[in-house]
Amino acid sequence: MDILDFSDCELYFEEPLLPEAERLLQEASGLYGDEAAELALLRAYVLAPEHLTVLVGLYRYYFYQHRLEDALVVAERAMQLVARRLGLPLDWARVEELHLAAAAQSSFGLLRFYLLALKASCVVLLRQHAIDAARARLQKLMRLDSQDQLGAAKLLEVVDEFRPRQEAEPALTLIA
Protein backbone atom coordinates (compact mmCIF):
# COMPACT_ATOMS: atom_id res chain seq x y z
CA MET A 1 0.00 0.00 0.00
CA ASP A 2 1.37 3.39 -0.98
CA ILE A 3 0.89 5.63 2.05
CA LEU A 4 2.03 8.66 0.09
CA ASP A 5 -0.58 8.29 -2.66
CA PHE A 6 -3.05 11.10 -2.02
CA SER A 7 -5.15 10.48 -5.12
CA ASP A 8 -8.65 9.10 -4.84
CA CYS A 9 -9.15 9.57 -1.08
CA GLU A 10 -10.80 12.12 1.15
CA LEU A 11 -8.50 14.09 3.44
CA TYR A 12 -9.38 15.11 6.99
CA PHE A 13 -9.52 18.83 6.20
CA GLU A 14 -12.09 18.23 3.47
CA GLU A 15 -14.71 17.15 6.00
CA PRO A 16 -17.37 19.82 6.55
CA LEU A 17 -16.79 22.03 9.58
CA LEU A 18 -19.32 24.19 11.38
CA PRO A 19 -18.98 27.78 10.11
CA GLU A 20 -18.42 29.15 13.63
CA ALA A 21 -15.65 26.60 14.28
CA GLU A 22 -14.09 27.52 10.92
CA ARG A 23 -14.23 31.20 11.87
CA LEU A 24 -12.55 30.46 15.21
CA LEU A 25 -9.76 28.54 13.46
CA GLN A 26 -9.22 31.52 11.15
CA GLU A 27 -9.17 33.82 14.16
CA ALA A 28 -6.59 31.60 15.89
CA SER A 29 -4.49 31.61 12.73
CA GLY A 30 -4.48 35.40 12.70
CA LEU A 31 -3.47 35.45 16.37
CA TYR A 32 -0.50 33.11 15.89
CA GLY A 33 1.89 33.41 18.80
CA ASP A 34 -0.64 35.28 20.92
CA GLU A 35 -2.22 33.58 23.95
CA ALA A 36 -5.65 34.55 22.60
CA ALA A 37 -5.11 32.00 19.81
CA GLU A 38 -5.48 29.19 22.33
CA LEU A 39 -8.85 30.50 23.48
CA ALA A 40 -10.12 30.59 19.89
CA LEU A 41 -8.85 27.03 19.32
CA LEU A 42 -10.46 25.77 22.51
CA ARG A 43 -13.75 27.40 21.57
CA ALA A 44 -13.56 25.67 18.18
CA TYR A 45 -12.84 22.41 20.03
CA VAL A 46 -15.96 22.84 22.17
CA LEU A 47 -18.01 23.27 18.98
CA ALA A 48 -16.36 20.40 17.09
CA PRO A 49 -14.50 18.12 19.53
CA GLU A 50 -14.15 15.29 17.03
CA HIS A 51 -13.20 17.28 13.96
CA LEU A 52 -9.64 16.48 12.96
CA THR A 53 -8.97 19.94 11.54
CA VAL A 54 -9.64 21.42 14.98
CA LEU A 55 -7.39 18.83 16.63
CA VAL A 56 -4.60 19.52 14.15
CA GLY A 57 -4.89 23.23 14.92
CA LEU A 58 -4.65 22.56 18.65
CA TYR A 59 -1.73 20.16 18.20
CA ARG A 60 0.23 22.64 16.12
CA TYR A 61 -0.45 25.46 18.55
CA TYR A 62 0.73 23.44 21.54
CA PHE A 63 3.70 21.96 19.70
CA TYR A 64 5.00 25.32 18.47
CA GLN A 65 4.40 26.89 21.88
CA HIS A 66 6.57 24.08 23.33
CA ARG A 67 3.65 22.82 25.40
CA LEU A 68 4.60 19.27 24.63
CA GLU A 69 2.43 17.52 27.20
CA ASP A 70 -0.64 19.25 25.75
CA ALA A 71 0.47 18.42 22.20
CA LEU A 72 0.83 14.75 23.15
CA VAL A 73 -2.67 14.69 24.67
CA VAL A 74 -4.11 16.12 21.45
CA ALA A 75 -2.17 13.70 19.21
CA GLU A 76 -3.37 10.76 21.27
CA ARG A 77 -6.95 12.08 21.23
CA ALA A 78 -6.80 12.27 17.43
CA MET A 79 -5.44 8.72 17.24
CA GLN A 80 -8.27 7.46 19.47
CA LEU A 81 -10.94 9.18 17.38
CA VAL A 82 -9.56 7.86 14.11
CA ALA A 83 -9.03 4.36 15.55
CA ARG A 84 -12.68 4.29 16.59
CA ARG A 85 -13.81 5.49 13.16
CA LEU A 86 -11.68 2.90 11.36
CA GLY A 87 -12.31 -0.02 13.70
CA LEU A 88 -8.67 -0.15 14.79
CA PRO A 89 -7.66 -1.23 18.29
CA LEU A 90 -7.72 1.82 20.58
CA ASP A 91 -4.25 0.91 21.86
CA TRP A 92 -1.71 1.80 19.14
CA ALA A 93 0.53 -1.05 20.35
CA ARG A 94 -2.12 -3.60 19.33
CA VAL A 95 -2.53 -2.33 15.76
CA GLU A 96 -1.25 -4.85 13.21
CA GLU A 97 -0.93 -4.94 9.43
CA LEU A 98 -4.18 -6.87 9.00
CA HIS A 99 -5.99 -4.01 10.81
CA LEU A 100 -4.48 -1.57 8.32
CA ALA A 101 -5.77 -3.52 5.35
CA ALA A 102 -9.33 -3.40 6.69
CA ALA A 103 -9.00 0.26 7.65
CA ALA A 104 -7.68 1.18 4.20
CA GLN A 105 -10.87 -0.20 2.68
CA SER A 106 -12.89 2.12 4.92
CA SER A 107 -10.85 5.32 4.50
CA PHE A 108 -7.31 5.44 3.23
CA GLY A 109 -7.07 9.15 4.06
CA LEU A 110 -7.99 8.54 7.70
CA LEU A 111 -5.59 5.62 7.91
CA ARG A 112 -2.76 7.85 6.69
CA PHE A 113 -3.83 10.49 9.25
CA TYR A 114 -3.68 7.86 12.01
CA LEU A 115 -0.16 6.80 11.06
CA LEU A 116 1.00 10.41 10.85
CA ALA A 117 -0.55 11.14 14.26
CA LEU A 118 1.37 8.16 15.65
CA LYS A 119 4.57 9.63 14.19
CA ALA A 120 3.68 13.07 15.60
CA SER A 121 3.34 11.51 19.04
CA CYS A 122 6.84 10.03 18.59
CA VAL A 123 8.27 13.44 17.80
CA VAL A 124 6.66 14.93 20.91
CA LEU A 125 7.98 12.09 23.06
CA LEU A 126 11.47 12.61 21.64
CA ARG A 127 11.27 16.32 22.44
CA GLN A 128 10.27 15.34 26.00
CA HIS A 129 13.31 13.03 26.19
CA ALA A 130 11.01 9.99 26.59
CA ILE A 131 13.30 8.02 24.29
CA ASP A 132 12.09 4.51 25.15
CA ALA A 133 8.42 5.44 24.69
CA ALA A 134 9.23 7.12 21.37
CA ARG A 135 11.33 4.15 20.23
CA ALA A 136 8.45 1.73 20.95
CA ARG A 137 6.10 3.78 18.78
CA LEU A 138 8.68 4.20 16.03
CA GLN A 139 9.31 0.47 15.98
CA LYS A 140 5.56 -0.15 15.67
CA LEU A 141 5.33 2.40 12.87
CA MET A 142 8.23 0.68 11.08
CA ARG A 143 6.40 -2.65 11.23
CA LEU A 144 3.21 -1.07 9.91
CA ASP A 145 4.98 0.93 7.17
CA SER A 146 7.32 -1.71 5.76
CA GLN A 147 8.36 0.56 2.87
CA ASP A 148 9.28 3.31 5.37
CA GLN A 149 7.33 5.91 3.44
CA LEU A 150 6.76 7.88 6.66
CA GLY A 151 10.44 7.82 7.60
CA ALA A 152 10.12 6.00 10.93
CA ALA A 153 13.16 3.80 10.27
CA LYS A 154 15.29 6.80 9.40
CA LEU A 155 14.10 8.66 12.49
CA LEU A 156 14.82 5.64 14.68
CA GLU A 157 18.30 5.42 13.16
CA VAL A 158 18.96 9.05 14.10
CA VAL A 159 17.57 8.52 17.61
CA ASP A 160 19.82 5.52 18.15
CA GLU A 161 22.85 7.32 16.73
CA PHE A 162 22.48 10.22 19.17
CA ARG A 163 21.35 8.17 22.14
CA PRO A 164 23.77 8.67 25.02
CA ARG A 165 26.23 5.80 25.15
CA GLN A 166 25.52 5.03 28.82
CA GLU A 167 21.84 4.70 28.01
CA ALA A 168 22.48 2.32 25.11
CA GLU A 169 24.97 0.13 26.96
CA PRO A 170 24.76 -0.89 30.59
CA ALA A 171 27.52 0.55 32.72
CA LEU A 172 29.95 -1.78 34.49
CA THR A 173 30.26 -1.40 38.21
CA LEU A 174 33.41 -2.71 39.83
CA ILE A 175 33.13 -4.00 43.34
CA ALA A 176 36.35 -4.37 45.34
C-alpha atoms as a PDB file:
ATOM      1  CA  MET A   1       0.000   0.000   0.000  1.00  0.00           C
ATOM      2  CA  ASP A   2       1.368   3.389  -0.977  1.00  0.00           C
ATOM      3  CA  ILE A   3       0.885   5.631   2.046  1.00  0.00           C
ATOM      4  CA  LEU A   4       2.032   8.656   0.088  1.00  0.00           C
ATOM      5  CA  ASP A   5      -0.579   8.286  -2.664  1.00  0.00           C
ATOM      6  CA  PHE A   6      -3.045  11.101  -2.025  1.00  0.00           C
ATOM      7  CA  SER A   7      -5.154  10.481  -5.116  1.00  0.00           C
ATOM      8  CA  ASP A   8      -8.646   9.100  -4.836  1.00  0.00           C
ATOM      9  CA  CYS A   9      -9.154   9.566  -1.084  1.00  0.00           C
ATOM     10  CA  GLU A  10     -10.796  12.120   1.153  1.00  0.00           C
ATOM     11  CA  LEU A  11      -8.501  14.087   3.438  1.00  0.00           C
ATOM     12  CA  TYR A  12      -9.376  15.108   6.986  1.00  0.00           C
ATOM     13  CA  PHE A  13      -9.522  18.831   6.204  1.00  0.00           C
ATOM     14  CA  GLU A  14     -12.093  18.233   3.466  1.00  0.00           C
ATOM     15  CA  GLU A  15     -14.714  17.145   6.002  1.00  0.00           C
ATOM     16  CA  PRO A  16     -17.375  19.822   6.552  1.00  0.00           C
ATOM     17  CA  LEU A  17     -16.789  22.035   9.583  1.00  0.00           C
ATOM     18  CA  LEU A  18     -19.318  24.193  11.384  1.00  0.00           C
ATOM     19  CA  PRO A  19     -18.980  27.781  10.106  1.00  0.00           C
ATOM     20  CA  GLU A  20     -18.416  29.150  13.628  1.00  0.00           C
ATOM     21  CA  ALA A  21     -15.648  26.604  14.283  1.00  0.00           C
ATOM     22  CA  GLU A  22     -14.092  27.521  10.919  1.00  0.00           C
ATOM     23  CA  ARG A  23     -14.228  31.201  11.874  1.00  0.00           C
ATOM     24  CA  LEU A  24     -12.546  30.464  15.206  1.00  0.00           C
ATOM     25  CA  LEU A  25      -9.760  28.545  13.459  1.00  0.00           C
ATOM     26  CA  GLN A  26      -9.215  31.517  11.146  1.00  0.00           C
ATOM     27  CA  GLU A  27      -9.171  33.816  14.164  1.00  0.00           C
ATOM     28  CA  ALA A  28      -6.588  31.602  15.889  1.00  0.00           C
ATOM     29  CA  SER A  29      -4.494  31.609  12.728  1.00  0.00           C
ATOM     30  CA  GLY A  30      -4.485  35.405  12.699  1.00  0.00           C
ATOM     31  CA  LEU A  31      -3.467  35.449  16.366  1.00  0.00           C
ATOM     32  CA  TYR A  32      -0.503  33.112  15.895  1.00  0.00           C
ATOM     33  CA  GLY A  33       1.894  33.408  18.804  1.00  0.00           C
ATOM     34  CA  ASP A  34      -0.642  35.281  20.921  1.00  0.00           C
ATOM     35  CA  GLU A  35      -2.224  33.581  23.947  1.00  0.00           C
ATOM     36  CA  ALA A  36      -5.652  34.552  22.598  1.00  0.00           C
ATOM     37  CA  ALA A  37      -5.110  31.997  19.810  1.00  0.00           C
ATOM     38  CA  GLU A  38      -5.480  29.189  22.331  1.00  0.00           C
ATOM     39  CA  LEU A  39      -8.846  30.500  23.482  1.00  0.00           C
ATOM     40  CA  ALA A  40     -10.120  30.586  19.889  1.00  0.00           C
ATOM     41  CA  LEU A  41      -8.848  27.031  19.319  1.00  0.00           C
ATOM     42  CA  LEU A  42     -10.464  25.775  22.513  1.00  0.00           C
ATOM     43  CA  ARG A  43     -13.752  27.405  21.573  1.00  0.00           C
ATOM     44  CA  ALA A  44     -13.558  25.666  18.181  1.00  0.00           C
ATOM     45  CA  TYR A  45     -12.840  22.411  20.028  1.00  0.00           C
ATOM     46  CA  VAL A  46     -15.959  22.843  22.172  1.00  0.00           C
ATOM     47  CA  LEU A  47     -18.009  23.268  18.984  1.00  0.00           C
ATOM     48  CA  ALA A  48     -16.356  20.395  17.085  1.00  0.00           C
ATOM     49  CA  PRO A  49     -14.495  18.115  19.529  1.00  0.00           C
ATOM     50  CA  GLU A  50     -14.152  15.286  17.029  1.00  0.00           C
ATOM     51  CA  HIS A  51     -13.199  17.284  13.955  1.00  0.00           C
ATOM     52  CA  LEU A  52      -9.639  16.482  12.962  1.00  0.00           C
ATOM     53  CA  THR A  53      -8.967  19.936  11.540  1.00  0.00           C
ATOM     54  CA  VAL A  54      -9.638  21.419  14.975  1.00  0.00           C
ATOM     55  CA  LEU A  55      -7.392  18.830  16.628  1.00  0.00           C
ATOM     56  CA  VAL A  56      -4.596  19.518  14.148  1.00  0.00           C
ATOM     57  CA  GLY A  57      -4.886  23.231  14.923  1.00  0.00           C
ATOM     58  CA  LEU A  58      -4.648  22.564  18.653  1.00  0.00           C
ATOM     59  CA  TYR A  59      -1.731  20.158  18.204  1.00  0.00           C
ATOM     60  CA  ARG A  60       0.225  22.644  16.123  1.00  0.00           C
ATOM     61  CA  TYR A  61      -0.451  25.465  18.552  1.00  0.00           C
ATOM     62  CA  TYR A  62       0.733  23.440  21.543  1.00  0.00           C
ATOM     63  CA  PHE A  63       3.703  21.964  19.701  1.00  0.00           C
ATOM     64  CA  TYR A  64       5.003  25.318  18.469  1.00  0.00           C
ATOM     65  CA  GLN A  65       4.400  26.889  21.879  1.00  0.00           C
ATOM     66  CA  HIS A  66       6.574  24.081  23.326  1.00  0.00           C
ATOM     67  CA  ARG A  67       3.651  22.824  25.396  1.00  0.00           C
ATOM     68  CA  LEU A  68       4.600  19.270  24.630  1.00  0.00           C
ATOM     69  CA  GLU A  69       2.426  17.516  27.197  1.00  0.00           C
ATOM     70  CA  ASP A  70      -0.639  19.245  25.752  1.00  0.00           C
ATOM     71  CA  ALA A  71       0.471  18.423  22.196  1.00  0.00           C
ATOM     72  CA  LEU A  72       0.828  14.753  23.146  1.00  0.00           C
ATOM     73  CA  VAL A  73      -2.665  14.688  24.668  1.00  0.00           C
ATOM     74  CA  VAL A  74      -4.113  16.124  21.452  1.00  0.00           C
ATOM     75  CA  ALA A  75      -2.168  13.702  19.211  1.00  0.00           C
ATOM     76  CA  GLU A  76      -3.369  10.762  21.275  1.00  0.00           C
ATOM     77  CA  ARG A  77      -6.950  12.077  21.231  1.00  0.00           C
ATOM     78  CA  ALA A  78      -6.801  12.274  17.432  1.00  0.00           C
ATOM     79  CA  MET A  79      -5.440   8.717  17.242  1.00  0.00           C
ATOM     80  CA  GLN A  80      -8.266   7.459  19.470  1.00  0.00           C
ATOM     81  CA  LEU A  81     -10.941   9.179  17.379  1.00  0.00           C
ATOM     82  CA  VAL A  82      -9.564   7.857  14.113  1.00  0.00           C
ATOM     83  CA  ALA A  83      -9.028   4.364  15.547  1.00  0.00           C
ATOM     84  CA  ARG A  84     -12.679   4.294  16.593  1.00  0.00           C
ATOM     85  CA  ARG A  85     -13.811   5.485  13.156  1.00  0.00           C
ATOM     86  CA  LEU A  86     -11.680   2.897  11.363  1.00  0.00           C
ATOM     87  CA  GLY A  87     -12.312  -0.017  13.701  1.00  0.00           C
ATOM     88  CA  LEU A  88      -8.669  -0.154  14.788  1.00  0.00           C
ATOM     89  CA  PRO A  89      -7.661  -1.225  18.291  1.00  0.00           C
ATOM     90  CA  LEU A  90      -7.723   1.819  20.580  1.00  0.00           C
ATOM     91  CA  ASP A  91      -4.249   0.912  21.861  1.00  0.00           C
ATOM     92  CA  TRP A  92      -1.715   1.795  19.140  1.00  0.00           C
ATOM     93  CA  ALA A  93       0.534  -1.045  20.345  1.00  0.00           C
ATOM     94  CA  ARG A  94      -2.118  -3.601  19.328  1.00  0.00           C
ATOM     95  CA  VAL A  95      -2.534  -2.329  15.763  1.00  0.00           C
ATOM     96  CA  GLU A  96      -1.251  -4.854  13.212  1.00  0.00           C
ATOM     97  CA  GLU A  97      -0.933  -4.942   9.430  1.00  0.00           C
ATOM     98  CA  LEU A  98      -4.183  -6.870   9.003  1.00  0.00           C
ATOM     99  CA  HIS A  99      -5.986  -4.015  10.811  1.00  0.00           C
ATOM    100  CA  LEU A 100      -4.481  -1.569   8.324  1.00  0.00           C
ATOM    101  CA  ALA A 101      -5.772  -3.519   5.348  1.00  0.00           C
ATOM    102  CA  ALA A 102      -9.328  -3.398   6.685  1.00  0.00           C
ATOM    103  CA  ALA A 103      -8.999   0.264   7.650  1.00  0.00           C
ATOM    104  CA  ALA A 104      -7.676   1.180   4.201  1.00  0.00           C
ATOM    105  CA  GLN A 105     -10.875  -0.202   2.682  1.00  0.00           C
ATOM    106  CA  SER A 106     -12.891   2.118   4.920  1.00  0.00           C
ATOM    107  CA  SER A 107     -10.852   5.321   4.496  1.00  0.00           C
ATOM    108  CA  PHE A 108      -7.313   5.443   3.233  1.00  0.00           C
ATOM    109  CA  GLY A 109      -7.071   9.150   4.063  1.00  0.00           C
ATOM    110  CA  LEU A 110      -7.995   8.543   7.704  1.00  0.00           C
ATOM    111  CA  LEU A 111      -5.589   5.624   7.914  1.00  0.00           C
ATOM    112  CA  ARG A 112      -2.759   7.854   6.690  1.00  0.00           C
ATOM    113  CA  PHE A 113      -3.833  10.492   9.249  1.00  0.00           C
ATOM    114  CA  TYR A 114      -3.678   7.859  12.013  1.00  0.00           C
ATOM    115  CA  LEU A 115      -0.156   6.800  11.062  1.00  0.00           C
ATOM    116  CA  LEU A 116       1.003  10.413  10.853  1.00  0.00           C
ATOM    117  CA  ALA A 117      -0.552  11.142  14.264  1.00  0.00           C
ATOM    118  CA  LEU A 118       1.370   8.163  15.654  1.00  0.00           C
ATOM    119  CA  LYS A 119       4.565   9.628  14.189  1.00  0.00           C
ATOM    120  CA  ALA A 120       3.682  13.067  15.601  1.00  0.00           C
ATOM    121  CA  SER A 121       3.341  11.510  19.045  1.00  0.00           C
ATOM    122  CA  CYS A 122       6.837  10.031  18.588  1.00  0.00           C
ATOM    123  CA  VAL A 123       8.272  13.438  17.800  1.00  0.00           C
ATOM    124  CA  VAL A 124       6.664  14.929  20.912  1.00  0.00           C
ATOM    125  CA  LEU A 125       7.984  12.090  23.065  1.00  0.00           C
ATOM    126  CA  LEU A 126      11.469  12.611  21.640  1.00  0.00           C
ATOM    127  CA  ARG A 127      11.272  16.315  22.439  1.00  0.00           C
ATOM    128  CA  GLN A 128      10.267  15.339  25.996  1.00  0.00           C
ATOM    129  CA  HIS A 129      13.314  13.026  26.192  1.00  0.00           C
ATOM    130  CA  ALA A 130      11.012   9.993  26.592  1.00  0.00           C
ATOM    131  CA  ILE A 131      13.303   8.015  24.288  1.00  0.00           C
ATOM    132  CA  ASP A 132      12.094   4.507  25.153  1.00  0.00           C
ATOM    133  CA  ALA A 133       8.424   5.442  24.688  1.00  0.00           C
ATOM    134  CA  ALA A 134       9.228   7.119  21.367  1.00  0.00           C
ATOM    135  CA  ARG A 135      11.333   4.148  20.231  1.00  0.00           C
ATOM    136  CA  ALA A 136       8.451   1.732  20.946  1.00  0.00           C
ATOM    137  CA  ARG A 137       6.098   3.784  18.777  1.00  0.00           C
ATOM    138  CA  LEU A 138       8.679   4.203  16.031  1.00  0.00           C
ATOM    139  CA  GLN A 139       9.308   0.469  15.979  1.00  0.00           C
ATOM    140  CA  LYS A 140       5.561  -0.150  15.674  1.00  0.00           C
ATOM    141  CA  LEU A 141       5.328   2.397  12.871  1.00  0.00           C
ATOM    142  CA  MET A 142       8.233   0.682  11.082  1.00  0.00           C
ATOM    143  CA  ARG A 143       6.402  -2.655  11.226  1.00  0.00           C
ATOM    144  CA  LEU A 144       3.209  -1.066   9.912  1.00  0.00           C
ATOM    145  CA  ASP A 145       4.981   0.927   7.174  1.00  0.00           C
ATOM    146  CA  SER A 146       7.317  -1.712   5.757  1.00  0.00           C
ATOM    147  CA  GLN A 147       8.361   0.560   2.865  1.00  0.00           C
ATOM    148  CA  ASP A 148       9.280   3.311   5.368  1.00  0.00           C
ATOM    149  CA  GLN A 149       7.333   5.912   3.445  1.00  0.00           C
ATOM    150  CA  LEU A 150       6.760   7.876   6.655  1.00  0.00           C
ATOM    151  CA  GLY A 151      10.442   7.818   7.598  1.00  0.00           C
ATOM    152  CA  ALA A 152      10.122   6.001  10.932  1.00  0.00           C
ATOM    153  CA  ALA A 153      13.165   3.797  10.271  1.00  0.00           C
ATOM    154  CA  LYS A 154      15.285   6.804   9.397  1.00  0.00           C
ATOM    155  CA  LEU A 155      14.104   8.663  12.489  1.00  0.00           C
ATOM    156  CA  LEU A 156      14.820   5.643  14.681  1.00  0.00           C
ATOM    157  CA  GLU A 157      18.296   5.415  13.158  1.00  0.00           C
ATOM    158  CA  VAL A 158      18.956   9.053  14.099  1.00  0.00           C
ATOM    159  CA  VAL A 159      17.572   8.517  17.609  1.00  0.00           C
ATOM    160  CA  ASP A 160      19.824   5.517  18.150  1.00  0.00           C
ATOM    161  CA  GLU A 161      22.852   7.325  16.728  1.00  0.00           C
ATOM    162  CA  PHE A 162      22.484  10.216  19.174  1.00  0.00           C
ATOM    163  CA  ARG A 163      21.353   8.170  22.136  1.00  0.00           C
ATOM    164  CA  PRO A 164      23.768   8.671  25.023  1.00  0.00           C
ATOM    165  CA  ARG A 165      26.226   5.797  25.153  1.00  0.00           C
ATOM    166  CA  GLN A 166      25.524   5.028  28.820  1.00  0.00           C
ATOM    167  CA  GLU A 167      21.836   4.702  28.013  1.00  0.00           C
ATOM    168  CA  ALA A 168      22.475   2.325  25.111  1.00  0.00           C
ATOM    169  CA  GLU A 169      24.974   0.134  26.960  1.00  0.00           C
ATOM    170  CA  PRO A 170      24.761  -0.893  30.594  1.00  0.00           C
ATOM    171  CA  ALA A 171      27.517   0.547  32.724  1.00  0.00           C
ATOM    172  CA  LEU A 172      29.949  -1.783  34.487  1.00  0.00           C
ATOM    173  CA  THR A 173      30.261  -1.401  38.209  1.00  0.00           C
ATOM    174  CA  LEU A 174      33.408  -2.715  39.831  1.00  0.00           C
ATOM    175  CA  ILE A 175      33.133  -3.996  43.343  1.00  0.00           C
ATOM    176  CA  ALA A 176      36.345  -4.372  45.338  1.00  0.00           C
END
